[in-house]
Structures are given as C-alpha cells and as structure tokens.
C-alpha atoms as a PDB file:
ATOM      1  CA  MET A   1       4.837  -6.867  27.829  1.00  0.00           C
ATOM      2  CA  VAL A   2       6.395  -9.222  25.470  1.00  0.00           C
ATOM      3  CA  GLU A   3       8.031  -7.588  22.441  1.00  0.00           C
ATOM      4  CA  MET A   4       5.854  -7.834  19.387  1.00  0.00           C
ATOM      5  CA  ARG A   5       7.443  -9.808  16.520  1.00  0.00           C
ATOM      6  CA  GLN A   6       7.592  -8.303  13.034  1.00  0.00           C
ATOM      7  CA  ALA A   7       4.939  -9.763  10.791  1.00  0.00           C
ATOM      8  CA  GLU A   8       5.600 -11.597   7.502  1.00  0.00           C
ATOM      9  CA  ASN A   9       5.100  -8.857   4.924  1.00  0.00           C
ATOM     10  CA  LYS A  10       6.513  -9.655   1.503  1.00  0.00           C
ATOM     11  CA  VAL A  11       5.624  -8.187  -1.943  1.00  0.00           C
ATOM     12  CA  ARG A  12       7.036  -9.581  -5.244  1.00  0.00           C
ATOM     13  CA  ILE A  13       6.665  -7.573  -8.612  1.00  0.00           C
ATOM     14  CA  GLU A  14       7.907  -8.598 -12.026  1.00  0.00           C
ATOM     15  CA  GLY A  15       7.157  -6.445 -15.083  1.00  0.00           C
ATOM     16  CA  ILE A  16       8.404  -3.582 -17.239  1.00  0.00           C
ATOM     17  CA  LEU A  17       9.799  -0.374 -15.722  1.00  0.00           C
ATOM     18  CA  ALA A  18       7.214   2.166 -16.739  1.00  0.00           C
ATOM     19  CA  GLU A  19       8.335   5.432 -15.030  1.00  0.00           C
ATOM     20  CA  ASN A  20      11.491   6.275 -13.196  1.00  0.00           C
ATOM     21  CA  ASP A  21      11.289   9.326 -10.738  1.00  0.00           C
ATOM     22  CA  ILE A  22      14.337   8.656  -8.544  1.00  0.00           C
ATOM     23  CA  GLU A  23      16.302  11.574  -7.339  1.00  0.00           C
ATOM     24  CA  TYR A  24      19.195  12.476  -4.916  1.00  0.00           C
ATOM     25  CA  GLY A  25      18.298  14.262  -1.794  1.00  0.00           C
ATOM     26  CA  SER A  26      19.191  14.946   1.849  1.00  0.00           C
ATOM     27  CA  TYR A  27      17.663  15.320   5.307  1.00  0.00           C
ATOM     28  CA  VAL A  28      18.883  16.467   8.733  1.00  0.00           C
ATOM     29  CA  LYS A  29      19.280  13.987  11.507  1.00  0.00           C
ATOM     30  CA  ASP A  30      20.807  14.847  14.892  1.00  0.00           C
ATOM     31  CA  ASN A  31      21.881  18.131  13.357  1.00  0.00           C
ATOM     32  CA  LYS A  32      23.758  16.556  10.629  1.00  0.00           C
ATOM     33  CA  THR A  33      22.890  16.493   6.880  1.00  0.00           C
ATOM     34  CA  VAL A  34      22.442  13.027   5.609  1.00  0.00           C
ATOM     35  CA  GLU A  35      22.696  12.401   1.822  1.00  0.00           C
ATOM     36  CA  CYS A  36      20.165   9.976   0.455  1.00  0.00           C
ATOM     37  CA  ILE A  37      18.366   8.792  -2.696  1.00  0.00           C
ATOM     38  CA  ARG A  38      14.619   8.532  -2.983  1.00  0.00           C
ATOM     39  CA  GLY A  39      11.596   8.745  -5.204  1.00  0.00           C
ATOM     40  CA  SER A  40       9.391   6.259  -6.903  1.00  0.00           C
ATOM     41  CA  ILE A  41       9.154   3.998 -10.035  1.00  0.00           C
ATOM     42  CA  LYS A  42       6.142   2.366 -11.713  1.00  0.00           C
ATOM     43  CA  VAL A  43       6.179  -1.200 -12.942  1.00  0.00           C
ATOM     44  CA  LEU A  44       3.862  -2.260 -15.589  1.00  0.00           C
ATOM     45  CA  VAL A  45       2.362  -5.710 -14.815  1.00  0.00           C
ATOM     46  CA  GLU A  46      -0.102  -7.559 -16.855  1.00  0.00           C
ATOM     47  CA  GLN A  47      -1.633 -10.147 -14.599  1.00  0.00           C
ATOM     48  CA  VAL A  48      -4.934 -12.116 -13.945  1.00  0.00           C
ATOM     49  CA  ILE A  49      -6.797 -11.128 -10.939  1.00  0.00           C
ATOM     50  CA  ASN A  50      -9.908 -13.173  -9.937  1.00  0.00           C
ATOM     51  CA  GLY A  51     -10.143 -14.510 -13.420  1.00  0.00           C
ATOM     52  CA  GLU A  52      -9.867 -11.189 -15.299  1.00  0.00           C
ATOM     53  CA  ASN A  53      -6.923  -9.838 -17.298  1.00  0.00           C
ATOM     54  CA  THR A  54      -5.720  -6.521 -15.842  1.00  0.00           C
ATOM     55  CA  VAL A  55      -3.063  -4.078 -16.732  1.00  0.00           C
ATOM     56  CA  ASN A  56      -1.463  -2.483 -13.593  1.00  0.00           C
ATOM     57  CA  GLU A  57       1.068   0.208 -13.094  1.00  0.00           C
ATOM     58  CA  ILE A  58       2.362  -0.494  -9.512  1.00  0.00           C
ATOM     59  CA  PRO A  59       3.976   2.490  -7.842  1.00  0.00           C
ATOM     60  CA  VAL A  60       7.006   1.470  -5.648  1.00  0.00           C
ATOM     61  CA  PHE A  61       8.498   4.077  -3.320  1.00  0.00           C
ATOM     62  CA  MET A  62      12.280   3.722  -2.799  1.00  0.00           C
ATOM     63  CA  PHE A  63      14.527   5.308  -0.227  1.00  0.00           C
ATOM     64  CA  SER A  64      17.974   4.902   1.108  1.00  0.00           C
ATOM     65  CA  PRO A  65      20.636   6.912   3.001  1.00  0.00           C
ATOM     66  CA  LYS A  66      24.045   6.896   1.256  1.00  0.00           C
ATOM     67  CA  TYR A  67      25.880   5.498   4.127  1.00  0.00           C
ATOM     68  CA  LYS A  68      25.031   2.988   6.855  1.00  0.00           C
ATOM     69  CA  ASN A  69      25.296   3.840  10.615  1.00  0.00           C
ATOM     70  CA  ASP A  70      28.913   2.460  10.538  1.00  0.00           C
ATOM     71  CA  GLY A  71      29.899   4.871   7.774  1.00  0.00           C
ATOM     72  CA  LYS A  72      30.182   2.131   5.098  1.00  0.00           C
ATOM     73  CA  PRO A  73      28.588   2.534   1.774  1.00  0.00           C
ATOM     74  CA  ASN A  74      24.781   1.459   1.780  1.00  0.00           C
ATOM     75  CA  PRO A  75      24.075  -1.368  -0.717  1.00  0.00           C
ATOM     76  CA  SER A  76      20.535  -0.340  -0.991  1.00  0.00           C
ATOM     77  CA  TYR A  77      21.610   3.268  -2.074  1.00  0.00           C
ATOM     78  CA  GLU A  78      23.806   1.706  -4.760  1.00  0.00           C
ATOM     79  CA  SER A  79      21.004  -0.478  -5.955  1.00  0.00           C
ATOM     80  CA  ILE A  80      18.492   2.485  -6.179  1.00  0.00           C
ATOM     81  CA  GLU A  81      21.210   4.735  -7.792  1.00  0.00           C
ATOM     82  CA  LYS A  82      21.751   2.002 -10.417  1.00  0.00           C
ATOM     83  CA  ILE A  83      17.903   2.053 -11.173  1.00  0.00           C
ATOM     84  CA  LYS A  84      18.102   5.843 -11.663  1.00  0.00           C
ATOM     85  CA  ASN A  85      21.180   5.901 -13.803  1.00  0.00           C
ATOM     86  CA  GLU A  86      21.162   2.663 -15.723  1.00  0.00           C
ATOM     87  CA  TYR A  87      17.594   1.340 -16.102  1.00  0.00           C
ATOM     88  CA  THR A  88      15.435   2.555 -18.975  1.00  0.00           C
ATOM     89  CA  SER A  89      11.618   3.116 -18.513  1.00  0.00           C
ATOM     90  CA  ILE A  90       8.887   2.932 -21.056  1.00  0.00           C
ATOM     91  CA  ALA A  91       8.529   6.758 -20.696  1.00  0.00           C
ATOM     92  CA  ALA A  92      12.131   7.238 -21.584  1.00  0.00           C
ATOM     93  CA  ALA A  93      12.107   4.719 -24.325  1.00  0.00           C
ATOM     94  CA  GLY A  94       8.996   6.177 -25.920  1.00  0.00           C
ATOM     95  CA  GLY A  95       7.299   2.722 -25.695  1.00  0.00           C
ATOM     96  CA  ARG A  96       7.772  -0.817 -24.524  1.00  0.00           C
ATOM     97  CA  ASN A  97      10.526  -1.524 -27.001  1.00  0.00           C
ATOM     98  CA  GLY A  98      13.761  -0.629 -25.299  1.00  0.00           C
ATOM     99  CA  ALA A  99      12.343  -0.466 -21.809  1.00  0.00           C
ATOM    100  CA  ASP A 100      13.847  -2.773 -19.165  1.00  0.00           C
ATOM    101  CA  TYR A 101      12.231  -5.672 -17.402  1.00  0.00           C
ATOM    102  CA  ILE A 102      12.719  -5.822 -13.632  1.00  0.00           C
ATOM    103  CA  ARG A 103      12.087  -8.020 -10.604  1.00  0.00           C
ATOM    104  CA  ILE A 104      11.509  -6.767  -7.085  1.00  0.00           C
ATOM    105  CA  THR A 105      11.516  -9.486  -4.287  1.00  0.00           C
ATOM    106  CA  GLY A 106      12.104  -7.620  -1.166  1.00  0.00           C
ATOM    107  CA  ALA A 107       9.172  -5.032  -1.059  1.00  0.00           C
ATOM    108  CA  GLN A 108       6.633  -4.565   1.755  1.00  0.00           C
ATOM    109  CA  LEU A 109       3.120  -3.379   2.110  1.00  0.00           C
ATOM    110  CA  GLY A 110       2.799   0.025   3.732  1.00  0.00           C
ATOM    111  CA  MET A 111       0.811   3.104   4.004  1.00  0.00           C
ATOM    112  CA  ASN A 112       1.321   6.782   3.129  1.00  0.00           C
ATOM    113  CA  GLU A 113      -0.515   8.804   5.721  1.00  0.00           C
ATOM    114  CA  TYR A 114      -0.918  12.574   6.123  1.00  0.00           C
ATOM    115  CA  PHE A 115      -3.476  15.191   7.089  1.00  0.00           C
ATOM    116  CA  ASN A 116      -4.806  17.586   4.611  1.00  0.00           C
ATOM    117  CA  PRO A 117      -5.357  21.384   5.119  1.00  0.00           C
ATOM    118  CA  ASN A 118      -8.757  20.604   6.536  1.00  0.00           C
ATOM    119  CA  GLY A 119      -7.329  18.311   9.233  1.00  0.00           C
ATOM    120  CA  GLN A 120      -8.588  15.091   7.557  1.00  0.00           C
ATOM    121  CA  LEU A 121      -6.484  12.020   7.361  1.00  0.00           C
ATOM    122  CA  VAL A 122      -5.493  10.987   3.880  1.00  0.00           C
ATOM    123  CA  ALA A 123      -4.274   7.402   3.707  1.00  0.00           C
ATOM    124  CA  PHE A 124      -3.532   5.091   0.808  1.00  0.00           C
ATOM    125  CA  PRO A 125      -1.198   1.912   0.118  1.00  0.00           C
ATOM    126  CA  ARG A 126       2.413   2.394  -0.492  1.00  0.00           C
ATOM    127  CA  ILE A 127       4.676  -0.329  -1.755  1.00  0.00           C
ATOM    128  CA  ARG A 128       8.183   0.119  -0.290  1.00  0.00           C
ATOM    129  CA  ALA A 129      11.445  -1.334  -1.674  1.00  0.00           C
ATOM    130  CA  SER A 130      15.124  -0.921  -1.604  1.00  0.00           C
ATOM    131  CA  PHE A 131      16.340  -3.345  -4.198  1.00  0.00           C
ATOM    132  CA  ALA A 132      15.437  -4.304  -7.744  1.00  0.00           C
ATOM    133  CA  GLN A 133      17.255  -6.176 -10.417  1.00  0.00           C
ATOM    134  CA  LYS A 134      17.084  -6.147 -14.252  1.00  0.00           C
ATOM    135  CA  ILE A 135      15.942  -9.273 -15.970  1.00  0.00           C
ATOM    136  CA  THR A 136      15.370 -10.472 -19.455  1.00  0.00           C
ATOM    137  CA  LYS A 137      11.917 -10.420 -21.071  1.00  0.00           C
ATOM    138  CA  GLU A 138      12.099 -14.281 -21.413  1.00  0.00           C
ATOM    139  CA  ASN A 139      12.705 -14.666 -17.698  1.00  0.00           C
ATOM    140  CA  CYS A 140       9.903 -12.318 -16.642  1.00  0.00           C
ATOM    141  CA  LYS A 141       6.766 -13.891 -15.185  1.00  0.00           C
ATOM    142  CA  PRO A 142       4.523 -10.818 -14.744  1.00  0.00           C
ATOM    143  CA  GLU A 143       3.073 -10.549 -11.202  1.00  0.00           C
ATOM    144  CA  ALA A 144       2.393  -8.228  -8.313  1.00  0.00           C
ATOM    145  CA  THR A 145       1.618 -10.335  -5.342  1.00  0.00           C
ATOM    146  CA  PHE A 146       1.809 -10.124  -1.538  1.00  0.00           C
ATOM    147  CA  VAL A 147       1.913 -12.396   1.425  1.00  0.00           C
ATOM    148  CA  ALA A 148       1.107 -10.799   4.741  1.00  0.00           C
ATOM    149  CA  GLU A 149       0.305 -11.859   8.317  1.00  0.00           C
ATOM    150  CA  MET A 150      -2.108  -9.425   9.968  1.00  0.00           C
ATOM    151  CA  VAL A 151      -4.562  -9.029  12.877  1.00  0.00           C
ATOM    152  CA  VAL A 152      -8.194  -8.561  11.660  1.00  0.00           C
ATOM    153  CA  ALA A 153      -9.520  -5.210  12.949  1.00  0.00           C
ATOM    154  CA  ASN A 154     -12.890  -5.109  11.168  1.00  0.00           C
ATOM    155  CA  GLN A 155     -14.674  -6.805   8.238  1.00  0.00           C
ATOM    156  CA  GLY A 156     -17.914  -6.719   6.347  1.00  0.00           C
ATOM    157  CA  TYR A 157     -19.705  -6.545   2.990  1.00  0.00           C
ATOM    158  CA  LYS A 158     -19.123  -3.268   1.085  1.00  0.00           C
ATOM    159  CA  THR A 159     -22.209  -1.039   1.023  1.00  0.00           C
ATOM    160  CA  ASP A 160     -23.325   1.956  -0.970  1.00  0.00           C
ATOM    161  CA  ALA A 161     -24.347   5.407   0.432  1.00  0.00           C
ATOM    162  CA  ASP A 162     -27.664   3.967   1.505  1.00  0.00           C
ATOM    163  CA  GLY A 163     -26.179   1.087   3.421  1.00  0.00           C
ATOM    164  CA  ILE A 164     -27.225  -1.492   0.743  1.00  0.00           C
ATOM    165  CA  GLU A 165     -24.609  -4.153  -0.266  1.00  0.00           C
ATOM    166  CA  VAL A 166     -23.157  -3.534  -3.671  1.00  0.00           C
ATOM    167  CA  GLU A 167     -23.390  -5.880  -6.413  1.00  0.00           C
ATOM    168  CA  PRO A 168     -21.251  -7.895  -7.304  1.00  0.00           C
ATOM    169  CA  LYS A 169     -20.386  -8.617  -3.643  1.00  0.00           C
ATOM    170  CA  VAL A 170     -17.220  -7.200  -2.120  1.00  0.00           C
ATOM    171  CA  TYR A 171     -16.056  -8.201   1.272  1.00  0.00           C
ATOM    172  CA  ASN A 172     -13.722  -5.715   3.047  1.00  0.00           C
ATOM    173  CA  ILE A 173     -11.088  -6.510   5.551  1.00  0.00           C
ATOM    174  CA  LYS A 174      -9.245  -3.840   7.616  1.00  0.00           C
ATOM    175  CA  GLY A 175      -5.996  -5.429   8.777  1.00  0.00           C
ATOM    176  CA  ILE A 176      -3.209  -4.525  11.218  1.00  0.00           C
ATOM    177  CA  ILE A 177       0.253  -5.593  10.049  1.00  0.00           C
ATOM    178  CA  PRO A 178       2.905  -5.267  12.983  1.00  0.00           C
ATOM    179  CA  GLY A 179       6.249  -3.938  11.698  1.00  0.00           C
ATOM    180  CA  TYR A 180       9.565  -2.983  12.867  1.00  0.00           C
ATOM    181  CA  GLY A 181      10.088  -1.352  16.341  1.00  0.00           C
ATOM    182  CA  GLY A 182       6.364  -2.103  17.535  1.00  0.00           C
ATOM    183  CA  LYS A 183       4.833   0.117  14.776  1.00  0.00           C
ATOM    184  CA  VAL A 184       1.777  -1.208  12.834  1.00  0.00           C
ATOM    185  CA  GLU A 185       0.324  -0.508   9.396  1.00  0.00           C
ATOM    186  CA  VAL A 186      -3.524  -0.375   9.200  1.00  0.00           C
ATOM    187  CA  MET A 187      -4.592  -1.380   5.700  1.00  0.00           C
ATOM    188  CA  ASP A 188      -7.640  -2.093   3.734  1.00  0.00           C
ATOM    189  CA  PHE A 189      -8.066  -5.310   1.787  1.00  0.00           C
ATOM    190  CA  VAL A 190     -10.801  -6.595  -0.451  1.00  0.00           C
ATOM    191  CA  CYS A 191     -12.289 -10.088  -1.358  1.00  0.00           C
ATOM    192  CA  SER A 192     -14.180 -10.384  -4.474  1.00  0.00           C
ATOM    193  CA  THR A 193     -14.685 -14.095  -5.285  1.00  0.00           C
ATOM    194  CA  GLU A 194     -17.319 -16.221  -3.691  1.00  0.00           C
ATOM    195  CA  ASN A 195     -15.010 -18.922  -2.303  1.00  0.00           C
ATOM    196  CA  VAL A 196     -12.640 -16.360  -0.882  1.00  0.00           C
ATOM    197  CA  ILE A 197     -15.511 -14.409   0.718  1.00  0.00           C
ATOM    198  CA  SER A 198     -16.941 -17.626   2.081  1.00  0.00           C
ATOM    199  CA  ALA A 199     -13.809 -18.768   3.721  1.00  0.00           C
ATOM    200  CA  VAL A 200     -12.719 -15.363   5.187  1.00  0.00           C
ATOM    201  CA  SER A 201     -16.242 -14.651   6.625  1.00  0.00           C
ATOM    202  CA  THR A 202     -16.554 -18.056   8.182  1.00  0.00           C
ATOM    203  CA  TYR A 203     -13.053 -18.393   9.709  1.00  0.00           C
ATOM    204  CA  TRP A 204     -11.541 -15.018  10.317  1.00  0.00           C
ATOM    205  CA  GLU A 205     -12.847 -13.227  13.494  1.00  0.00           C
ATOM    206  CA  ASN A 206     -12.015  -9.612  14.566  1.00  0.00           C
ATOM    207  CA  GLY A 207      -8.898  -9.808  16.643  1.00  0.00           C
ATOM    208  CA  ALA A 208      -7.545 -12.946  15.061  1.00  0.00           C
ATOM    209  CA  THR A 209      -4.041 -13.255  13.511  1.00  0.00           C
ATOM    210  CA  VAL A 210      -4.293 -14.491   9.982  1.00  0.00           C
ATOM    211  CA  LYS A 211      -2.140 -14.939   7.003  1.00  0.00           C
ATOM    212  CA  ALA A 212      -3.260 -13.572   3.587  1.00  0.00           C
ATOM    213  CA  ALA A 213      -2.007 -13.866   0.012  1.00  0.00           C
ATOM    214  CA  GLY A 214      -3.077 -11.862  -2.830  1.00  0.00           C
ATOM    215  CA  ARG A 215      -2.498  -9.424  -5.700  1.00  0.00           C
ATOM    216  CA  LEU A 216      -1.896  -5.809  -6.106  1.00  0.00           C
ATOM    217  CA  ASN A 217      -4.569  -4.058  -8.323  1.00  0.00           C
ATOM    218  CA  PHE A 218      -3.457  -0.590  -9.286  1.00  0.00           C
ATOM    219  CA  THR A 219      -5.265   0.697 -12.180  1.00  0.00           C
ATOM    220  CA  SER A 220      -6.369   3.962 -13.839  1.00  0.00           C
ATOM    221  CA  THR A 221      -9.020   4.267 -16.323  1.00  0.00           C
ATOM    222  CA  THR A 222     -10.253   7.378 -18.264  1.00  0.00           C
ATOM    223  CA  GLU A 223     -14.052   7.601 -18.616  1.00  0.00           C
ATOM    224  CA  THR A 224     -16.079   9.858 -21.047  1.00  0.00           C
ATOM    225  CA  TYR A 225     -19.450  11.125 -19.907  1.00  0.00           C
ATOM    226  CA  THR A 226     -21.976  13.544 -21.112  1.00  0.00           C
ATOM    227  CA  GLU A 227     -22.996  16.541 -18.944  1.00  0.00           C
ATOM    228  CA  THR A 228     -26.438  17.888 -19.761  1.00  0.00           C
ATOM    229  CA  GLN A 229     -26.859  21.702 -19.720  1.00  0.00           C
ATOM    230  CA  GLY A 230     -29.965  23.705 -18.921  1.00  0.00           C
ATOM    231  CA  PHE A 231     -30.299  24.400 -22.646  1.00  0.00           C
ATOM    232  CA  GLY A 232     -28.150  23.927 -25.807  1.00  0.00           C
ATOM    233  CA  GLU A 233     -25.746  21.244 -26.548  1.00  0.00           C
ATOM    234  CA  SER A 234     -24.428  18.743 -23.937  1.00  0.00           C
ATOM    235  CA  ILE A 235     -20.859  18.953 -22.987  1.00  0.00           C
ATOM    236  CA  GLU A 236     -18.633  15.842 -23.185  1.00  0.00           C
ATOM    237  CA  ARG A 237     -16.249  15.484 -20.267  1.00  0.00           C
ATOM    238  CA  THR A 238     -13.610  13.080 -19.159  1.00  0.00           C
ATOM    239  CA  ARG A 239     -12.710  11.764 -15.519  1.00  0.00           C
ATOM    240  CA  THR A 240     -10.101   9.447 -14.291  1.00  0.00           C
ATOM    241  CA  ARG A 241     -10.933   6.591 -12.024  1.00  0.00           C
ATOM    242  CA  THR A 242      -8.118   5.317  -9.910  1.00  0.00           C
ATOM    243  CA  ILE A 243      -8.189   1.932  -8.037  1.00  0.00           C
ATOM    244  CA  SER A 244      -5.576   1.041  -5.452  1.00  0.00           C
ATOM    245  CA  GLU A 245      -6.683  -2.353  -4.075  1.00  0.00           C
ATOM    246  CA  LEU A 246      -5.025  -5.155  -2.180  1.00  0.00           C
ATOM    247  CA  VAL A 247      -7.067  -8.202  -3.341  1.00  0.00           C
ATOM    248  CA  ILE A 248      -6.998 -11.197  -1.024  1.00  0.00           C
ATOM    249  CA  THR A 249      -6.833 -14.348  -3.218  1.00  0.00           C
ATOM    250  CA  GLY A 250      -6.046 -17.046  -0.523  1.00  0.00           C
ATOM    251  CA  GLY A 251      -4.733 -17.400   2.976  1.00  0.00           C
ATOM    252  CA  SER A 252      -4.684 -19.463   6.141  1.00  0.00           C
ATOM    253  CA  PRO A 253      -8.054 -21.316   6.456  1.00  0.00           C
ATOM    254  CA  GLU A 254      -7.944 -20.741  10.243  1.00  0.00           C
ATOM    255  CA  PRO A 255      -6.299 -18.064  12.531  1.00  0.00           C
ATOM    256  CA  LEU A 256      -2.653 -18.486  13.582  1.00  0.00           C
ATOM    257  CA  GLU A 257      -2.098 -19.574  17.242  1.00  0.00           C
ATOM    258  CA  GLY A 258       0.448 -19.864  19.899  1.00  0.00           C
ATOM    259  CA  GLU A 259       3.582 -17.890  19.467  1.00  0.00           C
ATOM    260  CA  PHE A 260       2.516 -16.756  15.936  1.00  0.00           C
ATOM    261  CA  ALA A 261      -0.681 -15.045  17.265  1.00  0.00           C
ATOM    262  CA  TYR A 262      -0.610 -11.431  18.510  1.00  0.00           C
ATOM    263  CA  THR A 263      -2.105 -10.690  21.763  1.00  0.00           C
ATOM    264  CA  ASN A 264      -4.837  -8.105  22.463  1.00  0.00           C
ATOM    265  CA  GLU A 265      -2.273  -6.252  24.797  1.00  0.00           C
ATOM    266  CA  GLN A 266       0.371  -6.167  22.097  1.00  0.00           C
ATOM    267  CA  ILE A 267      -2.086  -4.755  19.513  1.00  0.00           C
ATOM    268  CA  SER A 268      -3.595  -2.237  21.919  1.00  0.00           C
ATOM    269  CA  ALA A 269      -0.233  -0.773  22.830  1.00  0.00           C
ATOM    270  CA  ALA A 270       0.830  -0.525  19.261  1.00  0.00           C
ATOM    271  CA  LEU A 271      -2.385   1.230  18.293  1.00  0.00           C
ATOM    272  CA  ALA A 272      -2.164   3.517  21.314  1.00  0.00           C
ATOM    273  CA  LYS A 273       1.341   4.462  19.924  1.00  0.00           C
ATOM    274  CA  ARG A 274       0.055   4.793  16.305  1.00  0.00           C
ATOM    275  CA  LYS A 275      -2.758   7.195  17.722  1.00  0.00           C
ATOM    276  CA  ASN A 276      -0.194   9.336  19.431  1.00  0.00           C
ATOM    277  CA  ASP A 277       2.000   9.486  16.217  1.00  0.00           C
ATOM    278  CA  LEU A 278      -1.098  10.458  14.179  1.00  0.00           C
ATOM    279  CA  GLU A 279      -1.976  13.229  16.673  1.00  0.00           C
ATOM    280  CA  LYS A 280       1.605  14.663  16.229  1.00  0.00           C
ATOM    281  CA  LEU A 281       1.183  14.615  12.474  1.00  0.00           C
ATOM    282  CA  LYS A 282      -2.251  16.310  12.723  1.00  0.00           C
ATOM    283  CA  ALA A 283      -0.678  19.086  15.089  1.00  0.00           C
ATOM    284  CA  GLU A 284       2.139  19.626  12.637  1.00  0.00           C
ATOM    285  CA  ALA A 285      -0.294  19.961   9.763  1.00  0.00           C
ATOM    286  CA  SER A 286      -2.349  22.337  11.801  1.00  0.00           C
ATOM    287  CA  ASN A 287       0.703  24.451  12.547  1.00  0.00           C
ATOM    288  CA  ARG A 288       1.701  24.663   8.896  1.00  0.00           C
ATOM    289  CA  THR A 289      -1.665  25.634   7.570  1.00  0.00           C
ATOM    290  CA  ARG A 290      -2.849  27.773  10.695  1.00  0.00           C
ATOM    291  CA  ARG A 291      -6.312  26.174  10.296  1.00  0.00           C
ATOM    292  CA  ALA A 292      -8.272  24.170  12.833  1.00  0.00           C
ATOM    293  CA  PRO A 293      -8.331  20.498  11.866  1.00  0.00           C
ATOM    294  CA  ALA A 294     -11.565  18.584  11.388  1.00  0.00           C
ATOM    295  CA  PRO A 295     -12.175  15.430  13.434  1.00  0.00           C
ATOM    296  CA  ALA A 296     -10.544  12.367  11.996  1.00  0.00           C
ATOM    297  CA  ASN A 297     -12.854   9.475  10.822  1.00  0.00           C
ATOM    298  CA  THR A 298     -13.476   6.579  13.429  1.00  0.00           C
ATOM    299  CA  VAL A 299     -14.497   3.033  12.921  1.00  0.00           C
ATOM    300  CA  SER A 300     -17.501   1.334  14.718  1.00  0.00           C
ATOM    301  CA  ASN A 301     -17.531   0.376  18.293  1.00  0.00           C
ATOM    302  CA  ALA A 302     -17.699  -3.335  17.130  1.00  0.00           C
ATOM    303  CA  ALA A 303     -14.117  -2.943  15.667  1.00  0.00           C
ATOM    304  CA  LEU A 304     -10.650  -2.461  17.261  1.00  0.00           C
ATOM    305  CA  ASP A 305      -9.719   1.061  18.097  1.00  0.00           C
ATOM    306  CA  LEU A 306      -7.354   2.008  15.233  1.00  0.00           C
ATOM    307  CA  GLY A 307      -6.462   5.456  16.648  1.00  0.00           C
ATOM    308  CA  PHE A 308      -8.073   7.470  13.895  1.00  0.00           C
END
C-alpha cells in the first residue's frame, strides 16, 4: 500500500492572550525521564462568523520536550517557555489593558479523546501549537481560521431528538484528516449558511477528498432560567452553554483528484489502526476504574466505519 501523505491542516489565530496555563513537566520514554513543557493558553478573538459578530476564547494546547532527539535544545520548548514567563494574559493583567496580543500561524486541528468511567468515548476539538509570537495591537487582525484537507465520512442536516431538521438549517460534516505516521483525526464540522450548505451537499460525496476553509467558533454563554417548584416561589438558576464548532465557510467546489485524493484502501487501513488504538485506550480506562465499559457509539451503515 502506498504511504498516505499528511493532509494540509493549518490554523491561524490572532488575538489577545486571555489565559496562560503553561507548566513544566516530565514523562518517561524508553525508561528515561524526559523534561517537557506543556499546558494550554486561551486567545480572545473577536471575529465575524457567517455575518455575526462573535467573541471567542480559543483554547490552544501546547507541548514540547526540552531537547530534540539529537540532544540539542528544542526551539519549540524555548518558544513555549517564553509564553509562560514573558507573556501577560488578560487574567494576569486584570483586564485587556496590559495584556499581550499574539499570533499563532503553525497550529493544527486535532481531537482530544478519552473514555470516561462508564466506558463512553469523550471527544472534542483540540487546537495544537508549538510556537506563538507577540505582536502589537496595531498589527493584530483578529481571526481564528483553518484550512484543512479531509475525506468526507458522513454528512447530513442536523436533526432534533425526534429526527426533525432543526431551524435554522445546519449541515453537519464528519471529516477524516490524515496526519503524520498514517494516523487520522475524525472531526465534526458544520455549515450554517445557505450557499455553503448548497455547495457542500451538491458536490461533496462520502469518501471524497475535499479542501475546506473556515473559522473556529469557541464560545461560552451563561443563561439564567426559572425553575418552577411544586408550590411556593420559583427558583432562578444559571447554566453555561459551551460551543466548540469548526464552521466551514468555503472550500474546493469539487473533490480533489489524482495524487491529492486518498484511496479507500488508505483510509480503511488508517481507520483500522485508529479502532485498535481506541480499543487500547478503552481497556486502559477500564483497568483504571475497574468497571465494565459501555459500548461506544457507532455511525450509520451508510457512512465510513470510523472505528468507534
């Protein structure tokens, strides 16, 4: 089988550093302790998504070992360490005044996946990066965008619990993004505007290789609601609604072909490996909790077998 190429997978973020949770750490590899730096930052980005002004706090996961395989200092470690020690966040400054503006150009879309104590797969988008640079407020053009090649695994209109299409219309795409070493990321994307939904539903078929461009929509809103009691006064409560969406705003009008397209054989092999990796994760989670895991969710027979 021909080796599967790594798909284009680029994320660009410009905004204000909102939170900085980078820390030093270590892990064991080949019976040796490896020093590393890891953690996450959040970047405040005010951008227009599908014609609406949105305020996003984009979480970015960062990780790097201190030294490269040849024993030399790792540039990505130095970059992340500089963020930890020299960059000022909104949280640290007590407001936007005094916080640093940053630009991230080498980030990638990914997934954070694990099994909960009940054996159910928990998965949500994770943006990964190793480098960031400080910029001036004047040079900052706020955005949180992505460009990614993917294989369409499944698609269709979003429905409610009764199977009825929600309004306004939302069109969901489940995409497979080939990465380094034959691994794949299985991710959910949404289309919300009429012209994008029309193009995607018309030209993109399951199994096709396509190129998508879009914006990251990571928002949290606190809602207040009233809970009625059996008698007496109603109780006012609050709840937080979190959105982590990869919103497609454009892309290739037709599938990629030739050397740029992934074959069914390549994707099937990668998904089989993914399924095996997930089963190992599930077994490890079961051993930790000493509880029998519940069956993982599956997709319909009409879609590609994603291994979970």
